[in-house]
PDB file of N, CA and C in Angstrom:
ATOM      1  N   HIS A   1      94.957  80.462  93.229  1.00  0.00           N
ATOM      2  CA  HIS A   1      94.691  80.360  94.650  1.00  0.00           C
ATOM      3  C   HIS A   1      96.024  79.969  95.374  1.00  0.00           C
ATOM      4  N   THR A   2      96.271  80.474  96.439  1.00  0.00           N
ATOM      5  CA  THR A   2      97.537  80.270  97.180  1.00  0.00           C
ATOM      6  C   THR A   2      97.267  79.037  98.237  1.00  0.00           C
ATOM      7  N   GLY A   3      96.213  78.749  98.526  1.00  0.00           N
ATOM      8  CA  GLY A   3      95.951  77.751  99.362  1.00  0.00           C
ATOM      9  C   GLY A   3      96.096  78.094 100.882  1.00  0.00           C
ATOM     10  N   ALA A   4      96.057  77.253 101.789  1.00  0.00           N
ATOM     11  CA  ALA A   4      95.886  77.455 103.112  1.00  0.00           C
ATOM     12  C   ALA A   4      97.261  78.055 103.711  1.00  0.00           C
ATOM     13  N   VAL A   5      97.381  78.925 104.538  1.00  0.00           N
ATOM     14  CA  VAL A   5      98.676  79.638 105.191  1.00  0.00           C
ATOM     15  C   VAL A   5      98.708  79.088 106.596  1.00  0.00           C
ATOM     16  N   ALA A   6      99.804  78.937 106.928  1.00  0.00           N
ATOM     17  CA  ALA A   6     100.148  78.553 108.301  1.00  0.00           C
ATOM     18  C   ALA A   6      99.883  79.274 109.370  1.00  0.00           C
ATOM     19  N   GLN A   7     100.190  80.636 109.242  1.00  0.00           N
ATOM     20  CA  GLN A   7      99.610  81.581 110.125  1.00  0.00           C
ATOM     21  C   GLN A   7      99.083  82.969 109.345  1.00  0.00           C
ATOM     22  N   ASP A   8      97.988  83.575 110.138  1.00  0.00           N
ATOM     23  CA  ASP A   8      97.244  84.488 109.354  1.00  0.00           C
ATOM     24  C   ASP A   8      96.711  85.610 110.710  1.00  0.00           C
ATOM     25  N   PRO A   9      97.940  86.243 111.134  1.00  0.00           N
ATOM     26  CA  PRO A   9      97.601  87.126 112.202  1.00  0.00           C
ATOM     27  C   PRO A   9      96.825  88.557 111.664  1.00  0.00           C
ATOM     28  N   PRO A  10      96.303  89.137 112.773  1.00  0.00           N
ATOM     29  CA  PRO A  10      95.479  90.130 112.103  1.00  0.00           C
ATOM     30  C   PRO A  10      96.218  91.398 111.919  1.00  0.00           C
ATOM     31  N   ARG A  11      97.414  91.528 112.527  1.00  0.00           N
ATOM     32  CA  ARG A  11      98.528  92.456 112.074  1.00  0.00           C
ATOM     33  C   ARG A  11      99.694  92.158 111.359  1.00  0.00           C
ATOM     34  N   THR A  12     100.507  92.750 110.812  1.00  0.00           N
ATOM     35  CA  THR A  12     101.631  92.462 110.298  1.00  0.00           C
ATOM     36  C   THR A  12     102.834  92.332 111.159  1.00  0.00           C
ATOM     37  N   LEU A  13     102.762  93.516 111.996  1.00  0.00           N
ATOM     38  CA  LEU A  13     103.922  93.461 113.085  1.00  0.00           C
ATOM     39  C   LEU A  13     103.150  94.244 114.273  1.00  0.00           C
ATOM     40  N   ALA A  14     103.194  93.562 115.482  1.00  0.00           N
ATOM     41  CA  ALA A  14     102.639  94.226 116.507  1.00  0.00           C
ATOM     42  C   ALA A  14     103.695  95.018 117.230  1.00  0.00           C
ATOM     43  N   VAL A  15     103.713  96.246 117.466  1.00  0.00           N
ATOM     44  CA  VAL A  15     104.380  97.190 118.170  1.00  0.00           C
ATOM     45  C   VAL A  15     103.714  97.601 119.366  1.00  0.00           C
ATOM     46  N   GLU A  16     104.222  97.335 120.590  1.00  0.00           N
ATOM     47  CA  GLU A  16     103.579  97.810 121.947  1.00  0.00           C
ATOM     48  C   GLU A  16     104.568  98.955 122.321  1.00  0.00           C
ATOM     49  N   VAL A  17     103.821  99.847 122.980  1.00  0.00           N
ATOM     50  CA  VAL A  17     104.480 101.055 123.308  1.00  0.00           C
ATOM     51  C   VAL A  17     104.062 101.299 124.892  1.00  0.00           C
ATOM     52  N   THR A  18     105.123 101.270 125.859  1.00  0.00           N
ATOM     53  CA  THR A  18     104.928 101.196 127.245  1.00  0.00           C
ATOM     54  C   THR A  18     105.786 102.283 128.081  1.00  0.00           C
ATOM     55  N   GLU A  19     105.485 102.507 129.099  1.00  0.00           N
ATOM     56  CA  GLU A  19     106.211 103.529 129.970  1.00  0.00           C
ATOM     57  C   GLU A  19     107.423 102.807 130.669  1.00  0.00           C
ATOM     58  N   ARG A  20     107.118 101.526 130.924  1.00  0.00           N
ATOM     59  CA  ARG A  20     108.338 100.880 131.688  1.00  0.00           C
ATOM     60  C   ARG A  20     108.875  99.819 130.696  1.00  0.00           C
ATOM     61  N   ARG A  21     110.068  99.388 130.894  1.00  0.00           N
ATOM     62  CA  ARG A  21     110.714  98.356 130.098  1.00  0.00           C
ATOM     63  C   ARG A  21     110.092  97.029 130.396  1.00  0.00           C
ATOM     64  N   PRO A  22     109.718  96.416 129.113  1.00  0.00           N
ATOM     65  CA  PRO A  22     108.773  95.134 129.348  1.00  0.00           C
ATOM     66  C   PRO A  22     109.777  93.990 129.480  1.00  0.00           C
ATOM     67  N   THR A  23     109.418  92.869 130.276  1.00  0.00           N
ATOM     68  CA  THR A  23     110.324  91.909 130.861  1.00  0.00           C
ATOM     69  C   THR A  23     110.014  90.700 130.010  1.00  0.00           C
ATOM     70  N   ASP A  24     108.923  90.560 129.239  1.00  0.00           N
ATOM     71  CA  ASP A  24     108.671  89.311 128.550  1.00  0.00           C
ATOM     72  C   ASP A  24     109.087  89.391 127.179  1.00  0.00           C
ATOM     73  N   THR A  25     109.946  90.199 126.602  1.00  0.00           N
ATOM     74  CA  THR A  25     110.434  90.186 125.272  1.00  0.00           C
ATOM     75  C   THR A  25     111.824  90.754 125.124  1.00  0.00           C
ATOM     76  N   PRO A  26     112.614  90.119 124.351  1.00  0.00           N
ATOM     77  CA  PRO A  26     114.028  90.430 123.947  1.00  0.00           C
ATOM     78  C   PRO A  26     114.112  91.607 123.192  1.00  0.00           C
ATOM     79  N   LEU A  27     112.885  91.955 122.332  1.00  0.00           N
ATOM     80  CA  LEU A  27     113.073  93.045 121.253  1.00  0.00           C
ATOM     81  C   LEU A  27     112.413  94.262 121.774  1.00  0.00           C
ATOM     82  N   SER A  28     113.263  95.236 122.536  1.00  0.00           N
ATOM     83  CA  SER A  28     112.842  96.354 122.935  1.00  0.00           C
ATOM     84  C   SER A  28     113.728  97.238 123.074  1.00  0.00           C
ATOM     85  N   ILE A  29     113.300  98.563 122.959  1.00  0.00           N
ATOM     86  CA  ILE A  29     114.233  99.857 122.945  1.00  0.00           C
ATOM     87  C   ILE A  29     113.513 100.934 123.627  1.00  0.00           C
ATOM     88  N   SER A  30     114.349 101.873 124.313  1.00  0.00           N
ATOM     89  CA  SER A  30     114.058 103.049 124.842  1.00  0.00           C
ATOM     90  C   SER A  30     114.049 104.187 123.968  1.00  0.00           C
ATOM     91  N   TYR A  31     113.015 105.231 123.663  1.00  0.00           N
ATOM     92  CA  TYR A  31     113.037 106.151 122.800  1.00  0.00           C
ATOM     93  C   TYR A  31     112.146 107.106 123.361  1.00  0.00           C
ATOM     94  N   GLY A  32     112.670 108.420 123.644  1.00  0.00           N
ATOM     95  CA  GLY A  32     111.617 109.521 123.849  1.00  0.00           C
ATOM     96  C   GLY A  32     110.846 109.325 125.069  1.00  0.00           C
ATOM     97  N   GLY A  33     111.550 108.547 126.019  1.00  0.00           N
ATOM     98  CA  GLY A  33     110.752 108.328 127.456  1.00  0.00           C
ATOM     99  C   GLY A  33     109.874 107.158 127.266  1.00  0.00           C
ATOM    100  N   SER A  34     109.670 106.436 126.229  1.00  0.00           N
ATOM    101  CA  SER A  34     108.718 105.264 126.072  1.00  0.00           C
ATOM    102  C   SER A  34     109.632 104.120 125.651  1.00  0.00           C
ATOM    103  N   TYR A  35     109.167 103.095 125.891  1.00  0.00           N
ATOM    104  CA  TYR A  35     109.777 101.802 125.385  1.00  0.00           C
ATOM    105  C   TYR A  35     108.980 101.101 124.340  1.00  0.00           C
ATOM    106  N   TYR A  36     109.592 100.756 123.368  1.00  0.00           N
ATOM    107  CA  TYR A  36     108.797 100.118 122.101  1.00  0.00           C
ATOM    108  C   TYR A  36     109.237  98.770 121.942  1.00  0.00           C
ATOM    109  N   SER A  37     108.254  97.901 121.968  1.00  0.00           N
ATOM    110  CA  SER A  37     108.673  96.444 122.016  1.00  0.00           C
ATOM    111  C   SER A  37     108.051  95.731 120.855  1.00  0.00           C
ATOM    112  N   VAL A  38     108.383  94.573 120.525  1.00  0.00           N
ATOM    113  CA  VAL A  38     107.807  93.575 119.806  1.00  0.00           C
ATOM    114  C   VAL A  38     107.677  92.428 120.442  1.00  0.00           C
ATOM    115  N   PRO A  39     106.193  91.713 120.504  1.00  0.00           N
ATOM    116  CA  PRO A  39     105.789  90.640 121.328  1.00  0.00           C
ATOM    117  C   PRO A  39     106.800  89.500 120.975  1.00  0.00           C
ATOM    118  N   ASN A  40     107.043  88.615 121.854  1.00  0.00           N
ATOM    119  CA  ASN A  40     107.863  87.543 121.725  1.00  0.00           C
ATOM    120  C   ASN A  40     107.073  86.226 121.012  1.00  0.00           C
ATOM    121  N   SER A  41     106.748  86.471 119.828  1.00  0.00           N
ATOM    122  CA  SER A  41     105.958  85.331 119.085  1.00  0.00           C
ATOM    123  C   SER A  41     106.677  85.151 117.811  1.00  0.00           C
ATOM    124  N   VAL A  42     106.652  83.718 117.402  1.00  0.00           N
ATOM    125  CA  VAL A  42     107.450  83.517 116.140  1.00  0.00           C
ATOM    126  C   VAL A  42     107.137  84.559 115.020  1.00  0.00           C
ATOM    127  N   TRP A  43     105.795  84.818 114.855  1.00  0.00           N
ATOM    128  CA  TRP A  43     105.324  85.702 113.910  1.00  0.00           C
ATOM    129  C   TRP A  43     105.985  86.911 113.880  1.00  0.00           C
ATOM    130  N   ASP A  44     105.805  87.699 114.955  1.00  0.00           N
ATOM    131  CA  ASP A  44     106.530  89.029 115.185  1.00  0.00           C
ATOM    132  C   ASP A  44     107.923  89.135 115.051  1.00  0.00           C
ATOM    133  N   ARG A  45     108.628  88.063 115.661  1.00  0.00           N
ATOM    134  CA  ARG A  45     110.373  87.904 115.559  1.00  0.00           C
ATOM    135  C   ARG A  45     110.571  87.648 114.104  1.00  0.00           C
ATOM    136  N   GLU A  46     109.880  86.965 113.223  1.00  0.00           N
ATOM    137  CA  GLU A  46     110.311  86.868 111.999  1.00  0.00           C
ATOM    138  C   GLU A  46     109.909  88.171 111.004  1.00  0.00           C
ATOM    139  N   SER A  47     108.892  88.637 111.320  1.00  0.00           N
ATOM    140  CA  SER A  47     108.538  90.080 110.472  1.00  0.00           C
ATOM    141  C   SER A  47     109.616  91.174 111.054  1.00  0.00           C
ATOM    142  N   PHE A  48     109.940  91.146 112.233  1.00  0.00           N
ATOM    143  CA  PHE A  48     111.117  91.896 112.538  1.00  0.00           C
ATOM    144  C   PHE A  48     112.318  91.770 112.031  1.00  0.00           C
ATOM    145  N   LYS A  49     112.668  90.480 111.757  1.00  0.00           N
ATOM    146  CA  LYS A  49     114.098  90.160 111.167  1.00  0.00           C
ATOM    147  C   LYS A  49     113.850  90.576 109.653  1.00  0.00           C
ATOM    148  N   LEU A  50     112.731  90.336 109.146  1.00  0.00           N
ATOM    149  CA  LEU A  50     112.661  90.600 107.595  1.00  0.00           C
ATOM    150  C   LEU A  50     112.766  92.084 107.533  1.00  0.00           C
ATOM    151  N   LEU A  51     112.036  92.978 108.213  1.00  0.00           N
ATOM    152  CA  LEU A  51     112.004  94.493 108.169  1.00  0.00           C
ATOM    153  C   LEU A  51     113.488  94.954 108.534  1.00  0.00           C
ATOM    154  N   TYR A  52     114.191  94.182 109.406  1.00  0.00           N
ATOM    155  CA  TYR A  52     115.566  94.733 109.746  1.00  0.00           C
ATOM    156  C   TYR A  52     116.404  94.541 108.542  1.00  0.00           C
ATOM    157  N   SER A  53     116.433  93.265 107.826  1.00  0.00           N
ATOM    158  CA  SER A  53     117.039  93.066 106.770  1.00  0.00           C
ATOM    159  C   SER A  53     116.836  94.059 105.404  1.00  0.00           C
ATOM    160  N   LEU A  54     115.638  94.445 105.370  1.00  0.00           N
ATOM    161  CA  LEU A  54     115.172  95.227 104.343  1.00  0.00           C
ATOM    162  C   LEU A  54     115.764  96.602 104.444  1.00  0.00           C
ATOM    163  N   PHE A  55     115.759  97.021 105.625  1.00  0.00           N
ATOM    164  CA  PHE A  55     116.447  98.375 106.095  1.00  0.00           C
ATOM    165  C   PHE A  55     117.844  98.285 105.812  1.00  0.00           C
ATOM    166  N   GLN A  56     118.601  97.304 106.181  1.00  0.00           N
ATOM    167  CA  GLN A  56     120.137  97.129 106.071  1.00  0.00           C
ATOM    168  C   GLN A  56     120.294  97.069 104.634  1.00  0.00           C
ATOM    169  N   MET A  57     119.704  96.530 103.796  1.00  0.00           N
ATOM    170  CA  MET A  57     119.929  96.435 102.209  1.00  0.00           C
ATOM    171  C   MET A  57     119.507  97.889 101.619  1.00  0.00           C
ATOM    172  N   THR A  58     118.822  98.784 102.459  1.00  0.00           N
ATOM    173  CA  THR A  58     118.637 100.169 101.574  1.00  0.00           C
ATOM    174  C   THR A  58     119.515 101.083 102.242  1.00  0.00           C
ATOM    175  N   VAL A  59     120.264 100.924 103.117  1.00  0.00           N
ATOM    176  CA  VAL A  59     121.236 101.854 103.875  1.00  0.00           C
ATOM    177  C   VAL A  59     122.450 101.706 103.362  1.00  0.00           C
ATOM    178  N   THR A  60     122.999 102.971 102.927  1.00  0.00           N
ATOM    179  CA  THR A  60     124.382 102.865 101.954  1.00  0.00           C
ATOM    180  C   THR A  60     125.135 104.142 102.560  1.00  0.00           C
ATOM    181  N   ASP A  61     126.462 104.084 102.048  1.00  0.00           N
ATOM    182  CA  ASP A  61     127.400 105.089 102.525  1.00  0.00           C
ATOM    183  C   ASP A  61     127.209 106.226 101.403  1.00  0.00           C
ATOM    184  N   VAL A  62     126.593 107.378 101.393  1.00  0.00           N
ATOM    185  CA  VAL A  62     126.308 108.430 100.385  1.00  0.00           C
ATOM    186  C   VAL A  62     127.473 109.102 100.273  1.00  0.00           C
ATOM    187  N   SER A  63     128.587 109.160 101.144  1.00  0.00           N
ATOM    188  CA  SER A  63     129.726 110.074 101.214  1.00  0.00           C
ATOM    189  C   SER A  63     130.349 109.524  99.691  1.00  0.00           C
ATOM    190  N   LYS A  64     130.453 108.276  99.506  1.00  0.00           N
ATOM    191  CA  LYS A  64     131.185 107.796  98.388  1.00  0.00           C
ATOM    192  C   LYS A  64     130.606 108.032  96.875  1.00  0.00           C
ATOM    193  N   LEU A  65     129.389 108.506  96.909  1.00  0.00           N
ATOM    194  CA  LEU A  65     128.530 108.820  95.563  1.00  0.00           C
ATOM    195  C   LEU A  65     129.036 109.888  94.626  1.00  0.00           C
ATOM    196  N   GLY A  66     129.578 110.983  95.528  1.00  0.00           N
ATOM    197  CA  GLY A  66     130.054 112.199  94.808  1.00  0.00           C
ATOM    198  C   GLY A  66     128.883 113.016  94.326  1.00  0.00           C
ATOM    199  N   VAL A  67     127.700 112.632  94.397  1.00  0.00           N
ATOM    200  CA  VAL A  67     126.692 113.597  93.924  1.00  0.00           C
ATOM    201  C   VAL A  67     125.640 113.976  95.103  1.00  0.00           C
ATOM    202  N   PRO A  68     125.948 114.983  95.719  1.00  0.00           N
ATOM    203  CA  PRO A  68     124.841 115.254  96.845  1.00  0.00           C
ATOM    204  C   PRO A  68     123.684 115.692  96.546  1.00  0.00           C
ATOM    205  N   ILE A  69     122.597 115.077  97.045  1.00  0.00           N
ATOM    206  CA  ILE A  69     121.209 115.419  96.825  1.00  0.00           C
ATOM    207  C   ILE A  69     120.757 115.852  98.192  1.00  0.00           C
ATOM    208  N   THR A  70     120.131 117.220  98.269  1.00  0.00           N
ATOM    209  CA  THR A  70     119.444 117.716  99.245  1.00  0.00           C
ATOM    210  C   THR A  70     117.915 117.929  99.005  1.00  0.00           C
ATOM    211  N   ILE A  71     117.141 117.590  99.825  1.00  0.00           N
ATOM    212  CA  ILE A  71     115.872 117.704  99.836  1.00  0.00           C
ATOM    213  C   ILE A  71     115.496 118.928 100.871  1.00  0.00           C
ATOM    214  N   SER A  72     114.932 119.940 100.350  1.00  0.00           N
ATOM    215  CA  SER A  72     114.727 120.994 101.371  1.00  0.00           C
ATOM    216  C   SER A  72     113.262 121.219 101.501  1.00  0.00           C
ATOM    217  N   LYS A  73     113.012 121.798 102.571  1.00  0.00           N
ATOM    218  CA  LYS A  73     111.501 122.072 103.078  1.00  0.00           C
ATOM    219  C   LYS A  73     111.230 123.419 102.703  1.00  0.00           C
TER     220      LYS A  73
END
């Protein structure tokens, strides 16, 4: 058993989609005519930072590998 947890939200990360720029959160971006934002809560900010870190660890410069890989459809 892991015991009690400090926070147990119903979603891992809440992403809100709106037509106007949100004013209540610092984490938002405009894409394809819509604004995507993460609520300004401790849980959502920490989840976003963790996902961002994981993404940065998986991105690499493939031009230095020397073996091009192509996935065609």
